[in-house]
Amino acid sequence: MGMFDGVLGQVLQNVDVATLAAKVGLTPQQVELALQALGQAHAAPGDTVGTAAANTGLSPETLQQLLQMIGGEETLAKVAAMLGAQGGVLGQLGTLASGFFAKR
C-alpha cells in the first residue's frame, strides 16, 4: 500500500487507500488493484471504467465511485503517470491484478 498511498498523497490531500477501501467496501489491496486497472484502462482506447471492470471483475459502479473519489480521469492520469515513472509499477501489477480478481 505504501507506494499507492505515497502517490495518492502527492496528488490528493487527505486520501489514502484504506480510506477509499472503507468507503466502497473493498479491501485496501482490491482498491490498489482497481486503481491500477483504471490507470491501465485510462491509457487504452475506449471507456476507462468499462475496460477496468472487464479486467477486474469489479462492478462498473464501484470503479466509477472510486474514480470520482480520486477526482476523475484528470487525477487518474496524474496518478498513472507518477506510478509509471516509478519503475513501471502499473505494468508490473497487471498480471497480479488479473489473477487476484479471477479468484473472486
PDB file of N, CA and C in Angstrom:
ATOM      1  N   MET A   1       0.814  -1.198   0.000  1.00  0.00           N
ATOM      2  CA  MET A   1       0.000   0.000   0.000  1.00  0.00           C
ATOM      3  C   MET A   1       0.850   1.252   0.000  1.00  0.00           C
ATOM      4  N   GLY A   2       2.044   1.175   0.477  1.00  0.00           N
ATOM      5  CA  GLY A   2       2.863   2.343   0.655  1.00  0.00           C
ATOM      6  C   GLY A   2       3.038   3.174  -0.600  1.00  0.00           C
ATOM      7  N   MET A   3       3.321   2.524  -1.727  1.00  0.00           N
ATOM      8  CA  MET A   3       3.544   3.270  -2.958  1.00  0.00           C
ATOM      9  C   MET A   3       2.271   3.987  -3.398  1.00  0.00           C
ATOM     10  N   PHE A   4       1.144   3.294  -3.358  1.00  0.00           N
ATOM     11  CA  PHE A   4      -0.108   3.924  -3.759  1.00  0.00           C
ATOM     12  C   PHE A   4      -0.462   5.068  -2.822  1.00  0.00           C
ATOM     13  N   ASP A   5      -0.283   4.838  -1.523  1.00  0.00           N
ATOM     14  CA  ASP A   5      -0.567   5.907  -0.569  1.00  0.00           C
ATOM     15  C   ASP A   5       0.335   7.104  -0.823  1.00  0.00           C
ATOM     16  N   GLY A   6       1.595   6.844  -1.127  1.00  0.00           N
ATOM     17  CA  GLY A   6       2.527   7.933  -1.400  1.00  0.00           C
ATOM     18  C   GLY A   6       2.124   8.736  -2.615  1.00  0.00           C
ATOM     19  N   VAL A   7       1.753   8.041  -3.678  1.00  0.00           N
ATOM     20  CA  VAL A   7       1.337   8.728  -4.903  1.00  0.00           C
ATOM     21  C   VAL A   7       0.023   9.458  -4.681  1.00  0.00           C
ATOM     22  N   LEU A   8      -0.949   8.791  -4.056  1.00  0.00           N
ATOM     23  CA  LEU A   8      -2.224   9.456  -3.788  1.00  0.00           C
ATOM     24  C   LEU A   8      -2.014  10.676  -2.908  1.00  0.00           C
ATOM     25  N   GLY A   9      -1.127  10.559  -1.936  1.00  0.00           N
ATOM     26  CA  GLY A   9      -0.849  11.682  -1.052  1.00  0.00           C
ATOM     27  C   GLY A   9      -0.240  12.861  -1.784  1.00  0.00           C
ATOM     28  N   GLN A  10       0.539  12.596  -2.830  1.00  0.00           N
ATOM     29  CA  GLN A  10       1.128  13.665  -3.622  1.00  0.00           C
ATOM     30  C   GLN A  10       0.094  14.341  -4.515  1.00  0.00           C
ATOM     31  N   VAL A  11      -0.873  13.576  -4.986  1.00  0.00           N
ATOM     32  CA  VAL A  11      -1.875  14.099  -5.912  1.00  0.00           C
ATOM     33  C   VAL A  11      -3.103  14.628  -5.179  1.00  0.00           C
ATOM     34  N   LEU A  12      -3.510  13.941  -4.135  1.00  0.00           N
ATOM     35  CA  LEU A  12      -4.714  14.293  -3.384  1.00  0.00           C
ATOM     36  C   LEU A  12      -4.364  14.550  -1.937  1.00  0.00           C
ATOM     37  N   GLN A  13      -5.098  15.413  -1.314  1.00  0.00           N
ATOM     38  CA  GLN A  13      -4.896  15.646   0.108  1.00  0.00           C
ATOM     39  C   GLN A  13      -5.911  14.846   0.904  1.00  0.00           C
ATOM     40  N   ASN A  14      -5.477  14.288   2.002  1.00  0.00           N
ATOM     41  CA  ASN A  14      -6.351  13.566   2.934  1.00  0.00           C
ATOM     42  C   ASN A  14      -7.038  12.358   2.320  1.00  0.00           C
ATOM     43  N   VAL A  15      -6.401  11.696   1.364  1.00  0.00           N
ATOM     44  CA  VAL A  15      -6.968  10.482   0.779  1.00  0.00           C
ATOM     45  C   VAL A  15      -5.890   9.412   0.804  1.00  0.00           C
ATOM     46  N   ASP A  16      -6.259   8.242   1.285  1.00  0.00           N
ATOM     47  CA  ASP A  16      -5.348   7.113   1.236  1.00  0.00           C
ATOM     48  C   ASP A  16      -6.130   5.866   0.834  1.00  0.00           C
ATOM     49  N   VAL A  17      -5.406   4.816   0.544  1.00  0.00           N
ATOM     50  CA  VAL A  17      -6.028   3.592   0.060  1.00  0.00           C
ATOM     51  C   VAL A  17      -7.014   3.024   1.081  1.00  0.00           C
ATOM     52  N   ALA A  18      -6.642   3.020   2.349  1.00  0.00           N
ATOM     53  CA  ALA A  18      -7.527   2.460   3.377  1.00  0.00           C
ATOM     54  C   ALA A  18      -8.842   3.233   3.462  1.00  0.00           C
ATOM     55  N   THR A  19      -8.766   4.545   3.343  1.00  0.00           N
ATOM     56  CA  THR A  19      -9.979   5.363   3.383  1.00  0.00           C
ATOM     57  C   THR A  19     -10.871   5.061   2.181  1.00  0.00           C
ATOM     58  N   LEU A  20     -10.276   4.992   1.000  1.00  0.00           N
ATOM     59  CA  LEU A  20     -11.048   4.656  -0.193  1.00  0.00           C
ATOM     60  C   LEU A  20     -11.684   3.285  -0.043  1.00  0.00           C
ATOM     61  N   ALA A  21     -10.918   2.327   0.448  1.00  0.00           N
ATOM     62  CA  ALA A  21     -11.429   0.961   0.609  1.00  0.00           C
ATOM     63  C   ALA A  21     -12.640   0.930   1.534  1.00  0.00           C
ATOM     64  N   ALA A  22     -12.540   1.621   2.641  1.00  0.00           N
ATOM     65  CA  ALA A  22     -13.650   1.639   3.598  1.00  0.00           C
ATOM     66  C   ALA A  22     -14.901   2.254   2.988  1.00  0.00           C
ATOM     67  N   LYS A  23     -14.724   3.262   2.159  1.00  0.00           N
ATOM     68  CA  LYS A  23     -15.876   3.949   1.572  1.00  0.00           C
ATOM     69  C   LYS A  23     -16.583   3.123   0.505  1.00  0.00           C
ATOM     70  N   VAL A  24     -15.869   2.231  -0.173  1.00  0.00           N
ATOM     71  CA  VAL A  24     -16.501   1.451  -1.243  1.00  0.00           C
ATOM     72  C   VAL A  24     -16.686  -0.022  -0.891  1.00  0.00           C
ATOM     73  N   GLY A  25     -16.282  -0.405   0.315  1.00  0.00           N
ATOM     74  CA  GLY A  25     -16.499  -1.778   0.751  1.00  0.00           C
ATOM     75  C   GLY A  25     -15.553  -2.802   0.147  1.00  0.00           C
ATOM     76  N   LEU A  26     -14.341  -2.380  -0.168  1.00  0.00           N
ATOM     77  CA  LEU A  26     -13.321  -3.282  -0.684  1.00  0.00           C
ATOM     78  C   LEU A  26     -12.162  -3.334   0.300  1.00  0.00           C
ATOM     79  N   THR A  27     -11.267  -4.279   0.091  1.00  0.00           N
ATOM     80  CA  THR A  27     -10.048  -4.308   0.879  1.00  0.00           C
ATOM     81  C   THR A  27      -9.068  -3.285   0.289  1.00  0.00           C
ATOM     82  N   PRO A  28      -8.113  -2.843   1.077  1.00  0.00           N
ATOM     83  CA  PRO A  28      -7.100  -1.940   0.509  1.00  0.00           C
ATOM     84  C   PRO A  28      -6.376  -2.543  -0.698  1.00  0.00           C
ATOM     85  N   GLN A  29      -6.132  -3.847  -0.658  1.00  0.00           N
ATOM     86  CA  GLN A  29      -5.471  -4.497  -1.787  1.00  0.00           C
ATOM     87  C   GLN A  29      -6.342  -4.448  -3.042  1.00  0.00           C
ATOM     88  N   GLN A  30      -7.641  -4.639  -2.878  1.00  0.00           N
ATOM     89  CA  GLN A  30      -8.544  -4.560  -4.024  1.00  0.00           C
ATOM     90  C   GLN A  30      -8.568  -3.142  -4.593  1.00  0.00           C
ATOM     91  N   VAL A  31      -8.528  -2.143  -3.725  1.00  0.00           N
ATOM     92  CA  VAL A  31      -8.519  -0.755  -4.192  1.00  0.00           C
ATOM     93  C   VAL A  31      -7.238  -0.468  -4.963  1.00  0.00           C
ATOM     94  N   GLU A  32      -6.106  -0.944  -4.459  1.00  0.00           N
ATOM     95  CA  GLU A  32      -4.854  -0.745  -5.183  1.00  0.00           C
ATOM     96  C   GLU A  32      -4.934  -1.345  -6.577  1.00  0.00           C
ATOM     97  N   LEU A  33      -5.431  -2.565  -6.650  1.00  0.00           N
ATOM     98  CA  LEU A  33      -5.523  -3.236  -7.940  1.00  0.00           C
ATOM     99  C   LEU A  33      -6.570  -2.579  -8.834  1.00  0.00           C
ATOM    100  N   ALA A  34      -7.652  -2.083  -8.245  1.00  0.00           N
ATOM    101  CA  ALA A  34      -8.668  -1.373  -9.025  1.00  0.00           C
ATOM    102  C   ALA A  34      -8.083  -0.082  -9.593  1.00  0.00           C
ATOM    103  N   LEU A  35      -7.318   0.644  -8.785  1.00  0.00           N
ATOM    104  CA  LEU A  35      -6.694   1.877  -9.273  1.00  0.00           C
ATOM    105  C   LEU A  35      -5.676   1.570 -10.356  1.00  0.00           C
ATOM    106  N   GLN A  36      -4.959   0.484 -10.191  1.00  0.00           N
ATOM    107  CA  GLN A  36      -4.003   0.061 -11.208  1.00  0.00           C
ATOM    108  C   GLN A  36      -4.732  -0.260 -12.509  1.00  0.00           C
ATOM    109  N   ALA A  37      -5.837  -0.983 -12.418  1.00  0.00           N
ATOM    110  CA  ALA A  37      -6.619  -1.330 -13.609  1.00  0.00           C
ATOM    111  C   ALA A  37      -7.200  -0.082 -14.264  1.00  0.00           C
ATOM    112  N   LEU A  38      -7.668   0.855 -13.453  1.00  0.00           N
ATOM    113  CA  LEU A  38      -8.178   2.119 -14.005  1.00  0.00           C
ATOM    114  C   LEU A  38      -7.067   2.886 -14.709  1.00  0.00           C
ATOM    115  N   GLY A  39      -5.873   2.872 -14.125  1.00  0.00           N
ATOM    116  CA  GLY A  39      -4.747   3.558 -14.749  1.00  0.00           C
ATOM    117  C   GLY A  39      -4.374   2.953 -16.087  1.00  0.00           C
ATOM    118  N   GLN A  40      -4.361   1.629 -16.151  1.00  0.00           N
ATOM    119  CA  GLN A  40      -4.073   0.971 -17.417  1.00  0.00           C
ATOM    120  C   GLN A  40      -5.169   1.247 -18.439  1.00  0.00           C
ATOM    121  N   ALA A  41      -6.412   1.191 -18.008  1.00  0.00           N
ATOM    122  CA  ALA A  41      -7.543   1.414 -18.911  1.00  0.00           C
ATOM    123  C   ALA A  41      -7.580   2.856 -19.397  1.00  0.00           C
ATOM    124  N   HIS A  42      -7.134   3.778 -18.556  1.00  0.00           N
ATOM    125  CA  HIS A  42      -7.119   5.190 -18.938  1.00  0.00           C
ATOM    126  C   HIS A  42      -6.212   5.411 -20.145  1.00  0.00           C
ATOM    127  N   ALA A  43      -5.120   4.669 -20.195  1.00  0.00           N
ATOM    128  CA  ALA A  43      -4.160   4.819 -21.287  1.00  0.00           C
ATOM    129  C   ALA A  43      -4.606   4.105 -22.559  1.00  0.00           C
ATOM    130  N   ALA A  44      -5.585   3.236 -22.449  1.00  0.00           N
ATOM    131  CA  ALA A  44      -6.069   2.472 -23.600  1.00  0.00           C
ATOM    132  C   ALA A  44      -7.264   3.171 -24.242  1.00  0.00           C
ATOM    133  N   PRO A  45      -7.491   2.892 -25.514  1.00  0.00           N
ATOM    134  CA  PRO A  45      -8.689   3.468 -26.141  1.00  0.00           C
ATOM    135  C   PRO A  45      -9.956   2.858 -25.555  1.00  0.00           C
ATOM    136  N   GLY A  46     -11.027   3.621 -25.570  1.00  0.00           N
ATOM    137  CA  GLY A  46     -12.304   3.118 -25.083  1.00  0.00           C
ATOM    138  C   GLY A  46     -12.660   3.677 -23.726  1.00  0.00           C
ATOM    139  N   ASP A  47     -13.667   3.081 -23.140  1.00  0.00           N
ATOM    140  CA  ASP A  47     -14.208   3.514 -21.857  1.00  0.00           C
ATOM    141  C   ASP A  47     -13.330   3.024 -20.714  1.00  0.00           C
ATOM    142  N   THR A  48     -12.801   3.940 -19.938  1.00  0.00           N
ATOM    143  CA  THR A  48     -11.897   3.607 -18.836  1.00  0.00           C
ATOM    144  C   THR A  48     -12.557   2.678 -17.832  1.00  0.00           C
ATOM    145  N   VAL A  49     -13.716   3.038 -17.344  1.00  0.00           N
ATOM    146  CA  VAL A  49     -14.391   2.246 -16.313  1.00  0.00           C
ATOM    147  C   VAL A  49     -14.820   0.894 -16.872  1.00  0.00           C
ATOM    148  N   GLY A  50     -15.367   0.875 -18.051  1.00  0.00           N
ATOM    149  CA  GLY A  50     -15.806  -0.386 -18.653  1.00  0.00           C
ATOM    150  C   GLY A  50     -14.652  -1.352 -18.870  1.00  0.00           C
ATOM    151  N   THR A  51     -13.535  -0.825 -19.337  1.00  0.00           N
ATOM    152  CA  THR A  51     -12.359  -1.664 -19.561  1.00  0.00           C
ATOM    153  C   THR A  51     -11.819  -2.193 -18.248  1.00  0.00           C
ATOM    154  N   ALA A  52     -11.730  -1.335 -17.238  1.00  0.00           N
ATOM    155  CA  ALA A  52     -11.240  -1.764 -15.921  1.00  0.00           C
ATOM    156  C   ALA A  52     -12.178  -2.793 -15.303  1.00  0.00           C
ATOM    157  N   ALA A  53     -13.473  -2.603 -15.480  1.00  0.00           N
ATOM    158  CA  ALA A  53     -14.446  -3.565 -14.948  1.00  0.00           C
ATOM    159  C   ALA A  53     -14.265  -4.931 -15.606  1.00  0.00           C
ATOM    160  N   ALA A  54     -14.084  -4.926 -16.902  1.00  0.00           N
ATOM    161  CA  ALA A  54     -13.889  -6.189 -17.616  1.00  0.00           C
ATOM    162  C   ALA A  54     -12.606  -6.891 -17.176  1.00  0.00           C
ATOM    163  N   ASN A  55     -11.583  -6.122 -16.850  1.00  0.00           N
ATOM    164  CA  ASN A  55     -10.298  -6.698 -16.462  1.00  0.00           C
ATOM    165  C   ASN A  55     -10.230  -7.125 -15.006  1.00  0.00           C
ATOM    166  N   THR A  56     -11.099  -6.592 -14.159  1.00  0.00           N
ATOM    167  CA  THR A  56     -11.016  -6.885 -12.727  1.00  0.00           C
ATOM    168  C   THR A  56     -12.171  -7.720 -12.196  1.00  0.00           C
ATOM    169  N   GLY A  57     -13.298  -7.668 -12.851  1.00  0.00           N
ATOM    170  CA  GLY A  57     -14.477  -8.334 -12.329  1.00  0.00           C
ATOM    171  C   GLY A  57     -15.248  -7.486 -11.325  1.00  0.00           C
ATOM    172  N   LEU A  58     -14.723  -6.291 -11.021  1.00  0.00           N
ATOM    173  CA  LEU A  58     -15.457  -5.366 -10.151  1.00  0.00           C
ATOM    174  C   LEU A  58     -16.552  -4.692 -10.951  1.00  0.00           C
ATOM    175  N   SER A  59     -17.576  -4.259 -10.265  1.00  0.00           N
ATOM    176  CA  SER A  59     -18.684  -3.616 -10.963  1.00  0.00           C
ATOM    177  C   SER A  59     -18.261  -2.250 -11.487  1.00  0.00           C
ATOM    178  N   PRO A  60     -18.821  -1.847 -12.619  1.00  0.00           N
ATOM    179  CA  PRO A  60     -18.549  -0.507 -13.122  1.00  0.00           C
ATOM    180  C   PRO A  60     -18.954   0.572 -12.115  1.00  0.00           C
ATOM    181  N   GLU A  61     -19.990   0.311 -11.351  1.00  0.00           N
ATOM    182  CA  GLU A  61     -20.443   1.292 -10.361  1.00  0.00           C
ATOM    183  C   GLU A  61     -19.377   1.528  -9.290  1.00  0.00           C
ATOM    184  N   THR A  62     -18.778   0.440  -8.811  1.00  0.00           N
ATOM    185  CA  THR A  62     -17.727   0.559  -7.797  1.00  0.00           C
ATOM    186  C   THR A  62     -16.524   1.298  -8.361  1.00  0.00           C
ATOM    187  N   LEU A  63     -16.124   0.942  -9.568  1.00  0.00           N
ATOM    188  CA  LEU A  63     -14.979   1.602 -10.195  1.00  0.00           C
ATOM    189  C   LEU A  63     -15.273   3.071 -10.474  1.00  0.00           C
ATOM    190  N   GLN A  64     -16.489   3.377 -10.894  1.00  0.00           N
ATOM    191  CA  GLN A  64     -16.867   4.768 -11.129  1.00  0.00           C
ATOM    192  C   GLN A  64     -16.828   5.552  -9.824  1.00  0.00           C
ATOM    193  N   GLN A  65     -17.287   4.928  -8.753  1.00  0.00           N
ATOM    194  CA  GLN A  65     -17.260   5.576  -7.447  1.00  0.00           C
ATOM    195  C   GLN A  65     -15.815   5.876  -7.027  1.00  0.00           C
ATOM    196  N   LEU A  66     -14.922   4.917  -7.214  1.00  0.00           N
ATOM    197  CA  LEU A  66     -13.506   5.143  -6.902  1.00  0.00           C
ATOM    198  C   LEU A  66     -12.936   6.271  -7.750  1.00  0.00           C
ATOM    199  N   LEU A  67     -13.258   6.247  -9.022  1.00  0.00           N
ATOM    200  CA  LEU A  67     -12.762   7.278  -9.932  1.00  0.00           C
ATOM    201  C   LEU A  67     -13.223   8.660  -9.495  1.00  0.00           C
ATOM    202  N   GLN A  68     -14.479   8.774  -9.106  1.00  0.00           N
ATOM    203  CA  GLN A  68     -14.994  10.057  -8.636  1.00  0.00           C
ATOM    204  C   GLN A  68     -14.331  10.478  -7.329  1.00  0.00           C
ATOM    205  N   MET A  69     -14.062   9.518  -6.463  1.00  0.00           N
ATOM    206  CA  MET A  69     -13.455   9.830  -5.168  1.00  0.00           C
ATOM    207  C   MET A  69     -12.039  10.378  -5.311  1.00  0.00           C
ATOM    208  N   ILE A  70     -11.337   9.935  -6.347  1.00  0.00           N
ATOM    209  CA  ILE A  70      -9.971  10.437  -6.518  1.00  0.00           C
ATOM    210  C   ILE A  70      -9.922  11.695  -7.379  1.00  0.00           C
ATOM    211  N   GLY A  71     -11.048  12.098  -7.921  1.00  0.00           N
ATOM    212  CA  GLY A  71     -11.068  13.348  -8.678  1.00  0.00           C
ATOM    213  C   GLY A  71     -11.235  13.190 -10.170  1.00  0.00           C
ATOM    214  N   GLY A  72     -11.615  12.015 -10.633  1.00  0.00           N
ATOM    215  CA  GLY A  72     -11.910  11.823 -12.043  1.00  0.00           C
ATOM    216  C   GLY A  72     -10.695  11.422 -12.865  1.00  0.00           C
ATOM    217  N   GLU A  73     -10.899  11.442 -14.172  1.00  0.00           N
ATOM    218  CA  GLU A  73      -9.875  10.955 -15.097  1.00  0.00           C
ATOM    219  C   GLU A  73      -8.634  11.844 -15.129  1.00  0.00           C
ATOM    220  N   GLU A  74      -8.796  13.120 -14.858  1.00  0.00           N
ATOM    221  CA  GLU A  74      -7.627  14.010 -14.839  1.00  0.00           C
ATOM    222  C   GLU A  74      -6.676  13.598 -13.719  1.00  0.00           C
ATOM    223  N   THR A  75      -7.225  13.346 -12.549  1.00  0.00           N
ATOM    224  CA  THR A  75      -6.405  12.902 -11.426  1.00  0.00           C
ATOM    225  C   THR A  75      -5.850  11.517 -11.689  1.00  0.00           C
ATOM    226  N   LEU A  76      -6.655  10.649 -12.283  1.00  0.00           N
ATOM    227  CA  LEU A  76      -6.205   9.305 -12.621  1.00  0.00           C
ATOM    228  C   LEU A  76      -4.995   9.370 -13.548  1.00  0.00           C
ATOM    229  N   ALA A  77      -5.008  10.276 -14.497  1.00  0.00           N
ATOM    230  CA  ALA A  77      -3.871  10.432 -15.408  1.00  0.00           C
ATOM    231  C   ALA A  77      -2.617  10.821 -14.636  1.00  0.00           C
ATOM    232  N   LYS A  78      -2.754  11.687 -13.647  1.00  0.00           N
ATOM    233  CA  LYS A  78      -1.606  12.099 -12.830  1.00  0.00           C
ATOM    234  C   LYS A  78      -1.080  10.927 -12.015  1.00  0.00           C
ATOM    235  N   VAL A  79      -1.985  10.169 -11.394  1.00  0.00           N
ATOM    236  CA  VAL A  79      -1.580   9.011 -10.591  1.00  0.00           C
ATOM    237  C   VAL A  79      -0.892   7.984 -11.487  1.00  0.00           C
ATOM    238  N   ALA A  80      -1.479   7.700 -12.647  1.00  0.00           N
ATOM    239  CA  ALA A  80      -0.899   6.723 -13.564  1.00  0.00           C
ATOM    240  C   ALA A  80       0.481   7.166 -14.037  1.00  0.00           C
ATOM    241  N   ALA A  81       0.639   8.446 -14.335  1.00  0.00           N
ATOM    242  CA  ALA A  81       1.933   8.957 -14.781  1.00  0.00           C
ATOM    243  C   ALA A  81       2.966   8.837 -13.674  1.00  0.00           C
ATOM    244  N   MET A  82       2.570   9.145 -12.452  1.00  0.00           N
ATOM    245  CA  MET A  82       3.508   9.058 -11.340  1.00  0.00           C
ATOM    246  C   MET A  82       3.901   7.607 -11.075  1.00  0.00           C
ATOM    247  N   LEU A  83       2.965   6.694 -11.140  1.00  0.00           N
ATOM    248  CA  LEU A  83       3.281   5.289 -10.922  1.00  0.00           C
ATOM    249  C   LEU A  83       4.134   4.751 -12.059  1.00  0.00           C
ATOM    250  N   GLY A  84       3.847   5.162 -13.277  1.00  0.00           N
ATOM    251  CA  GLY A  84       4.657   4.739 -14.412  1.00  0.00           C
ATOM    252  C   GLY A  84       6.079   5.233 -14.305  1.00  0.00           C
ATOM    253  N   ALA A  85       6.248   6.411 -13.752  1.00  0.00           N
ATOM    254  CA  ALA A  85       7.577   6.989 -13.579  1.00  0.00           C
ATOM    255  C   ALA A  85       8.355   6.285 -12.477  1.00  0.00           C
ATOM    256  N   GLN A  86       7.668   5.531 -11.635  1.00  0.00           N
ATOM    257  CA  GLN A  86       8.324   4.836 -10.532  1.00  0.00           C
ATOM    258  C   GLN A  86       8.607   3.383 -10.905  1.00  0.00           C
ATOM    259  N   GLY A  87       9.146   3.177 -12.085  1.00  0.00           N
ATOM    260  CA  GLY A  87       9.571   1.840 -12.482  1.00  0.00           C
ATOM    261  C   GLY A  87       8.521   1.008 -13.162  1.00  0.00           C
ATOM    262  N   GLY A  88       7.535   1.645 -13.750  1.00  0.00           N
ATOM    263  CA  GLY A  88       6.528   0.893 -14.478  1.00  0.00           C
ATOM    264  C   GLY A  88       5.659   0.032 -13.588  1.00  0.00           C
ATOM    265  N   VAL A  89       5.317   0.532 -12.433  1.00  0.00           N
ATOM    266  CA  VAL A  89       4.529  -0.233 -11.472  1.00  0.00           C
ATOM    267  C   VAL A  89       3.222  -0.711 -12.072  1.00  0.00           C
ATOM    268  N   LEU A  90       2.571   0.112 -12.875  1.00  0.00           N
ATOM    269  CA  LEU A  90       1.285  -0.296 -13.446  1.00  0.00           C
ATOM    270  C   LEU A  90       1.430  -1.549 -14.283  1.00  0.00           C
ATOM    271  N   GLY A  91       2.453  -1.602 -15.091  1.00  0.00           N
ATOM    272  CA  GLY A  91       2.663  -2.782 -15.917  1.00  0.00           C
ATOM    273  C   GLY A  91       3.026  -4.003 -15.092  1.00  0.00           C
ATOM    274  N   GLN A  92       3.837  -3.813 -14.060  1.00  0.00           N
ATOM    275  CA  GLN A  92       4.263  -4.920 -13.222  1.00  0.00           C
ATOM    276  C   GLN A  92       3.103  -5.521 -12.449  1.00  0.00           C
ATOM    277  N   LEU A  93       2.114  -4.721 -12.114  1.00  0.00           N
ATOM    278  CA  LEU A  93       0.981  -5.224 -11.340  1.00  0.00           C
ATOM    279  C   LEU A  93      -0.131  -5.813 -12.200  1.00  0.00           C
ATOM    280  N   GLY A  94      -0.037  -5.688 -13.496  1.00  0.00           N
ATOM    281  CA  GLY A  94      -1.105  -6.156 -14.383  1.00  0.00           C
ATOM    282  C   GLY A  94      -1.440  -7.619 -14.199  1.00  0.00           C
ATOM    283  N   THR A  95      -0.434  -8.477 -14.204  1.00  0.00           N
ATOM    284  CA  THR A  95      -0.668  -9.905 -14.043  1.00  0.00           C
ATOM    285  C   THR A  95      -1.232 -10.209 -12.670  1.00  0.00           C
ATOM    286  N   LEU A  96      -0.704  -9.561 -11.658  1.00  0.00           N
ATOM    287  CA  LEU A  96      -1.193  -9.754 -10.299  1.00  0.00           C
ATOM    288  C   LEU A  96      -2.668  -9.382 -10.189  1.00  0.00           C
ATOM    289  N   ALA A  97      -3.051  -8.266 -10.794  1.00  0.00           N
ATOM    290  CA  ALA A  97      -4.446  -7.817 -10.717  1.00  0.00           C
ATOM    291  C   ALA A  97      -5.376  -8.821 -11.367  1.00  0.00           C
ATOM    292  N   SER A  98      -5.022  -9.291 -12.546  1.00  0.00           N
ATOM    293  CA  SER A  98      -5.924 -10.218 -13.225  1.00  0.00           C
ATOM    294  C   SER A  98      -6.040 -11.525 -12.454  1.00  0.00           C
ATOM    295  N   GLY A  99      -4.958 -11.989 -11.859  1.00  0.00           N
ATOM    296  CA  GLY A  99      -5.007 -13.208 -11.068  1.00  0.00           C
ATOM    297  C   GLY A  99      -5.788 -13.040  -9.790  1.00  0.00           C
ATOM    298  N   PHE A 100      -5.633 -11.910  -9.153  1.00  0.00           N
ATOM    299  CA  PHE A 100      -6.327 -11.650  -7.898  1.00  0.00           C
ATOM    300  C   PHE A 100      -7.826 -11.627  -8.098  1.00  0.00           C
ATOM    301  N   PHE A 101      -8.285 -10.887  -9.087  1.00  0.00           N
ATOM    302  CA  PHE A 101      -9.720 -10.762  -9.296  1.00  0.00           C
ATOM    303  C   PHE A 101     -10.319 -12.011  -9.908  1.00  0.00           C
ATOM    304  N   ALA A 102      -9.543 -12.801 -10.588  1.00  0.00           N
ATOM    305  CA  ALA A 102     -10.059 -14.039 -11.171  1.00  0.00           C
ATOM    306  C   ALA A 102     -10.438 -15.040 -10.074  1.00  0.00           C
ATOM    307  N   LYS A 103      -9.816 -14.909  -8.902  1.00  0.00           N
ATOM    308  CA  LYS A 103     -10.093 -15.828  -7.805  1.00  0.00           C
ATOM    309  C   LYS A 103     -11.341 -15.462  -7.019  1.00  0.00           C
ATOM    310  N   ARG A 104     -11.955 -14.337  -7.303  1.00  0.00           N
ATOM    311  CA  ARG A 104     -13.110 -13.864  -6.530  1.00  0.00           C
ATOM    312  C   ARG A 104     -14.301 -14.738  -6.712  1.00  0.00           C
TER     313      ARG A 104
END
